[in-house]
Amino acid sequence: AAGTSSVYLEQGNGDGGRTNASLGG
């Protein structure tokens, strides 16, 4: 949830994880 932890984007294919991103954890 926002405000309780940092969100990290997984690196992949040089896009910084901003495409084909996964939701949840």
PDB file of all heavy atoms in Angstrom:
ATOM      1  N   ALA A   1       0.839  -1.203   0.000  1.00  0.00           N
ATOM      2  CA  ALA A   1       0.000   0.000   0.000  1.00  0.00           C
ATOM      3  C   ALA A   1       0.874   1.253   0.000  1.00  0.00           C
ATOM      4  O   ALA A   1       1.973   1.273   0.522  1.00  0.00           O
ATOM      5  CB  ALA A   1      -0.907  -0.006   1.232  1.00  0.00           C
ATOM      6  N   ALA A   2       0.347   2.299  -0.586  1.00  0.00           N
ATOM      7  CA  ALA A   2       1.090   3.556  -0.668  1.00  0.00           C
ATOM      8  C   ALA A   2       1.356   4.090   0.732  1.00  0.00           C
ATOM      9  O   ALA A   2       0.490   4.066   1.593  1.00  0.00           O
ATOM     10  CB  ALA A   2       0.285   4.570  -1.476  1.00  0.00           C
ATOM     11  N   GLY A   3       2.566   4.578   0.927  1.00  0.00           N
ATOM     12  CA  GLY A   3       2.893   5.223   2.185  1.00  0.00           C
ATOM     13  C   GLY A   3       3.482   4.302   3.230  1.00  0.00           C
ATOM     14  O   GLY A   3       3.963   4.772   4.247  1.00  0.00           O
ATOM     15  N   THR A   4       3.461   2.973   2.999  1.00  0.00           N
ATOM     16  CA  THR A   4       4.030   2.077   4.002  1.00  0.00           C
ATOM     17  C   THR A   4       5.296   1.390   3.533  1.00  0.00           C
ATOM     18  O   THR A   4       6.021   0.820   4.324  1.00  0.00           O
ATOM     19  CB  THR A   4       3.013   0.986   4.403  1.00  0.00           C
ATOM     20  OG1 THR A   4       2.657   0.232   3.235  1.00  0.00           O
ATOM     21  CG2 THR A   4       1.764   1.604   5.000  1.00  0.00           C
ATOM     22  N   SER A   5       5.555   1.394   2.223  1.00  0.00           N
ATOM     23  CA  SER A   5       6.775   0.767   1.743  1.00  0.00           C
ATOM     24  C   SER A   5       7.127   1.314   0.373  1.00  0.00           C
ATOM     25  O   SER A   5       6.285   1.890  -0.313  1.00  0.00           O
ATOM     26  CB  SER A   5       6.600  -0.760   1.662  1.00  0.00           C
ATOM     27  OG  SER A   5       5.599  -1.083   0.725  1.00  0.00           O
ATOM     28  N   SER A   6       8.360   1.126  -0.028  1.00  0.00           N
ATOM     29  CA  SER A   6       8.797   1.540  -1.350  1.00  0.00           C
ATOM     30  C   SER A   6       8.412   0.485  -2.373  1.00  0.00           C
ATOM     31  O   SER A   6       8.372  -0.705  -2.081  1.00  0.00           O
ATOM     32  CB  SER A   6      10.318   1.743  -1.365  1.00  0.00           C
ATOM     33  OG  SER A   6      10.694   2.750  -0.439  1.00  0.00           O
ATOM     34  N   VAL A   7       8.126   0.924  -3.586  1.00  0.00           N
ATOM     35  CA  VAL A   7       7.789   0.022  -4.679  1.00  0.00           C
ATOM     36  C   VAL A   7       8.959   0.003  -5.648  1.00  0.00           C
ATOM     37  O   VAL A   7       9.439   1.060  -6.074  1.00  0.00           O
ATOM     38  CB  VAL A   7       6.493   0.459  -5.391  1.00  0.00           C
ATOM     39  CG1 VAL A   7       6.212  -0.449  -6.576  1.00  0.00           C
ATOM     40  CG2 VAL A   7       5.332   0.433  -4.420  1.00  0.00           C
ATOM     41  N   TYR A   8       9.428  -1.179  -6.000  1.00  0.00           N
ATOM     42  CA  TYR A   8      10.559  -1.329  -6.901  1.00  0.00           C
ATOM     43  C   TYR A   8      10.088  -1.946  -8.201  1.00  0.00           C
ATOM     44  O   TYR A   8       9.280  -2.870  -8.209  1.00  0.00           O
ATOM     45  CB  TYR A   8      11.644  -2.214  -6.275  1.00  0.00           C
ATOM     46  CG  TYR A   8      12.253  -1.625  -5.028  1.00  0.00           C
ATOM     47  CD1 TYR A   8      11.744  -1.946  -3.766  1.00  0.00           C
ATOM     48  CD2 TYR A   8      13.317  -0.745  -5.099  1.00  0.00           C
ATOM     49  CE1 TYR A   8      12.301  -1.404  -2.619  1.00  0.00           C
ATOM     50  CE2 TYR A   8      13.885  -0.203  -3.956  1.00  0.00           C
ATOM     51  CZ  TYR A   8      13.374  -0.539  -2.720  1.00  0.00           C
ATOM     52  OH  TYR A   8      13.909   0.004  -1.578  1.00  0.00           O
ATOM     53  N   LEU A   9      10.626  -1.432  -9.326  1.00  0.00           N
ATOM     54  CA  LEU A   9      10.329  -1.985 -10.630  1.00  0.00           C
ATOM     55  C   LEU A   9      11.445  -2.948 -11.016  1.00  0.00           C
ATOM     56  O   LEU A   9      12.623  -2.605 -10.951  1.00  0.00           O
ATOM     57  CB  LEU A   9      10.203  -0.878 -11.680  1.00  0.00           C
ATOM     58  CG  LEU A   9       9.042   0.103 -11.471  1.00  0.00           C
ATOM     59  CD1 LEU A   9       9.119   1.220 -12.514  1.00  0.00           C
ATOM     60  CD2 LEU A   9       7.717  -0.624 -11.571  1.00  0.00           C
ATOM     61  N   GLU A  10      11.047  -4.140 -11.410  1.00  0.00           N
ATOM     62  CA  GLU A  10      12.032  -5.143 -11.791  1.00  0.00           C
ATOM     63  C   GLU A  10      12.657  -4.773 -13.131  1.00  0.00           C
ATOM     64  O   GLU A  10      11.969  -4.425 -14.090  1.00  0.00           O
ATOM     65  CB  GLU A  10      11.358  -6.515 -11.881  1.00  0.00           C
ATOM     66  CG  GLU A  10      12.322  -7.635 -12.201  1.00  0.00           C
ATOM     67  CD  GLU A  10      11.635  -8.975 -12.242  1.00  0.00           C
ATOM     68  OE1 GLU A  10      10.421  -9.020 -11.982  1.00  0.00           O
ATOM     69  OE2 GLU A  10      12.306  -9.974 -12.531  1.00  0.00           O
ATOM     70  N   GLN A  11      13.986  -4.834 -13.207  1.00  0.00           N
ATOM     71  CA  GLN A  11      14.683  -4.490 -14.436  1.00  0.00           C
ATOM     72  C   GLN A  11      14.518  -5.611 -15.453  1.00  0.00           C
ATOM     73  O   GLN A  11      14.566  -6.787 -15.133  1.00  0.00           O
ATOM     74  CB  GLN A  11      16.169  -4.273 -14.150  1.00  0.00           C
ATOM     75  CG  GLN A  11      16.435  -3.176 -13.125  1.00  0.00           C
ATOM     76  CD  GLN A  11      15.939  -1.831 -13.600  1.00  0.00           C
ATOM     77  OE1 GLN A  11      16.208  -1.440 -14.731  1.00  0.00           O
ATOM     78  NE2 GLN A  11      15.217  -1.124 -12.750  1.00  0.00           N
ATOM     79  N   GLY A  12      14.352  -5.227 -16.719  1.00  0.00           N
ATOM     80  CA  GLY A  12      14.230  -6.239 -17.756  1.00  0.00           C
ATOM     81  C   GLY A  12      14.171  -5.614 -19.125  1.00  0.00           C
ATOM     82  O   GLY A  12      13.428  -4.654 -19.355  1.00  0.00           O
ATOM     83  N   ASN A  13      14.945  -6.147 -20.055  1.00  0.00           N
ATOM     84  CA  ASN A  13      14.933  -5.712 -21.451  1.00  0.00           C
ATOM     85  C   ASN A  13      15.210  -4.216 -21.610  1.00  0.00           C
ATOM     86  O   ASN A  13      14.739  -3.582 -22.553  1.00  0.00           O
ATOM     87  CB  ASN A  13      13.585  -6.053 -22.108  1.00  0.00           C
ATOM     88  CG  ASN A  13      13.303  -7.543 -22.080  1.00  0.00           C
ATOM     89  OD1 ASN A  13      14.213  -8.355 -22.256  1.00  0.00           O
ATOM     90  ND2 ASN A  13      12.053  -7.916 -21.836  1.00  0.00           N
ATOM     91  N   GLY A  14      15.937  -3.643 -20.676  1.00  0.00           N
ATOM     92  CA  GLY A  14      16.314  -2.259 -20.817  1.00  0.00           C
ATOM     93  C   GLY A  14      15.189  -1.259 -20.648  1.00  0.00           C
ATOM     94  O   GLY A  14      15.372  -0.070 -20.930  1.00  0.00           O
ATOM     95  N   ASP A  15      14.011  -1.715 -20.168  1.00  0.00           N
ATOM     96  CA  ASP A  15      12.880  -0.792 -20.028  1.00  0.00           C
ATOM     97  C   ASP A  15      12.626  -0.404 -18.584  1.00  0.00           C
ATOM     98  O   ASP A  15      11.613   0.225 -18.281  1.00  0.00           O
ATOM     99  CB  ASP A  15      11.612  -1.400 -20.631  1.00  0.00           C
ATOM    100  CG  ASP A  15      11.196  -2.689 -19.930  1.00  0.00           C
ATOM    101  OD1 ASP A  15      11.895  -3.093 -18.973  1.00  0.00           O
ATOM    102  OD2 ASP A  15      10.187  -3.294 -20.335  1.00  0.00           O
ATOM    103  N   GLY A  16      13.530  -0.774 -17.708  1.00  0.00           N
ATOM    104  CA  GLY A  16      13.335  -0.425 -16.299  1.00  0.00           C
ATOM    105  C   GLY A  16      12.148  -1.114 -15.673  1.00  0.00           C
ATOM    106  O   GLY A  16      11.654  -0.699 -14.627  1.00  0.00           O
ATOM    107  N   GLY A  17      11.675  -2.181 -16.278  1.00  0.00           N
ATOM    108  CA  GLY A  17      10.537  -2.904 -15.725  1.00  0.00           C
ATOM    109  C   GLY A  17       9.203  -2.227 -15.956  1.00  0.00           C
ATOM    110  O   GLY A  17       8.203  -2.588 -15.347  1.00  0.00           O
ATOM    111  N   ARG A  18       9.163  -1.244 -16.858  1.00  0.00           N
ATOM    112  CA  ARG A  18       7.934  -0.461 -17.045  1.00  0.00           C
ATOM    113  C   ARG A  18       6.999  -1.053 -18.085  1.00  0.00           C
ATOM    114  O   ARG A  18       5.900  -0.557 -18.285  1.00  0.00           O
ATOM    115  CB  ARG A  18       8.292   0.987 -17.381  1.00  0.00           C
ATOM    116  CG  ARG A  18       8.813   1.748 -16.156  1.00  0.00           C
ATOM    117  CD  ARG A  18       9.389   3.091 -16.496  1.00  0.00           C
ATOM    118  NE  ARG A  18       9.659   3.861 -15.283  1.00  0.00           N
ATOM    119  CZ  ARG A  18      10.703   3.678 -14.492  1.00  0.00           C
ATOM    120  NH1 ARG A  18      11.585   2.731 -14.790  1.00  0.00           N
ATOM    121  NH2 ARG A  18      10.879   4.408 -13.406  1.00  0.00           N
ATOM    122  N   THR A  19       7.439  -2.094 -18.794  1.00  0.00           N
ATOM    123  CA  THR A  19       6.543  -2.844 -19.657  1.00  0.00           C
ATOM    124  C   THR A  19       6.523  -4.285 -19.178  1.00  0.00           C
ATOM    125  O   THR A  19       7.473  -4.771 -18.572  1.00  0.00           O
ATOM    126  CB  THR A  19       7.007  -2.796 -21.125  1.00  0.00           C
ATOM    127  OG1 THR A  19       8.302  -3.395 -21.220  1.00  0.00           O
ATOM    128  CG2 THR A  19       7.057  -1.359 -21.623  1.00  0.00           C
ATOM    129  N   ASN A  20       5.429  -4.963 -19.455  1.00  0.00           N
ATOM    130  CA  ASN A  20       5.235  -6.327 -18.953  1.00  0.00           C
ATOM    131  C   ASN A  20       5.400  -6.386 -17.433  1.00  0.00           C
ATOM    132  O   ASN A  20       5.968  -7.331 -16.879  1.00  0.00           O
ATOM    133  CB  ASN A  20       6.214  -7.306 -19.604  1.00  0.00           C
ATOM    134  CG  ASN A  20       6.000  -7.429 -21.089  1.00  0.00           C
ATOM    135  OD1 ASN A  20       4.860  -7.450 -21.548  1.00  0.00           O
ATOM    136  ND2 ASN A  20       7.084  -7.472 -21.858  1.00  0.00           N
ATOM    137  N   ALA A  21       4.944  -5.326 -16.753  1.00  0.00           N
ATOM    138  CA  ALA A  21       5.068  -5.273 -15.295  1.00  0.00           C
ATOM    139  C   ALA A  21       4.089  -6.229 -14.631  1.00  0.00           C
ATOM    140  O   ALA A  21       3.064  -6.583 -15.201  1.00  0.00           O
ATOM    141  CB  ALA A  21       4.815  -3.849 -14.798  1.00  0.00           C
ATOM    142  N   SER A  22       4.427  -6.674 -13.436  1.00  0.00           N
ATOM    143  CA  SER A  22       3.571  -7.566 -12.660  1.00  0.00           C
ATOM    144  C   SER A  22       2.914  -6.800 -11.522  1.00  0.00           C
ATOM    145  O   SER A  22       3.514  -5.898 -10.939  1.00  0.00           O
ATOM    146  CB  SER A  22       4.391  -8.728 -12.081  1.00  0.00           C
ATOM    147  OG  SER A  22       4.969  -9.496 -13.106  1.00  0.00           O
ATOM    148  N   LEU A  23       1.683  -7.162 -11.222  1.00  0.00           N
ATOM    149  CA  LEU A  23       0.929  -6.518 -10.154  1.00  0.00           C
ATOM    150  C   LEU A  23       0.821  -7.465  -8.967  1.00  0.00           C
ATOM    151  O   LEU A  23       0.661  -8.665  -9.141  1.00  0.00           O
ATOM    152  CB  LEU A  23      -0.475  -6.142 -10.649  1.00  0.00           C
ATOM    153  CG  LEU A  23      -1.354  -5.310  -9.713  1.00  0.00           C
ATOM    154  CD1 LEU A  23      -0.723  -3.941  -9.485  1.00  0.00           C
ATOM    155  CD2 LEU A  23      -2.754  -5.160 -10.291  1.00  0.00           C
ATOM    156  N   GLY A  24       0.887  -6.909  -7.755  1.00  0.00           N
ATOM    157  CA  GLY A  24       0.764  -7.728  -6.559  1.00  0.00           C
ATOM    158  C   GLY A  24       2.132  -8.081  -5.984  1.00  0.00           C
ATOM    159  O   GLY A  24       3.180  -7.757  -6.542  1.00  0.00           O
ATOM    160  N   GLY A  25       2.099  -8.758  -4.873  1.00  0.00           N
ATOM    161  CA  GLY A  25       3.341  -9.136  -4.226  1.00  0.00           C
ATOM    162  C   GLY A  25       3.071  -9.971  -2.991  1.00  0.00           C
ATOM    163  O   GLY A  25       1.940 -10.049  -2.508  1.00  0.00           O
TER     164      GLY A  25
END
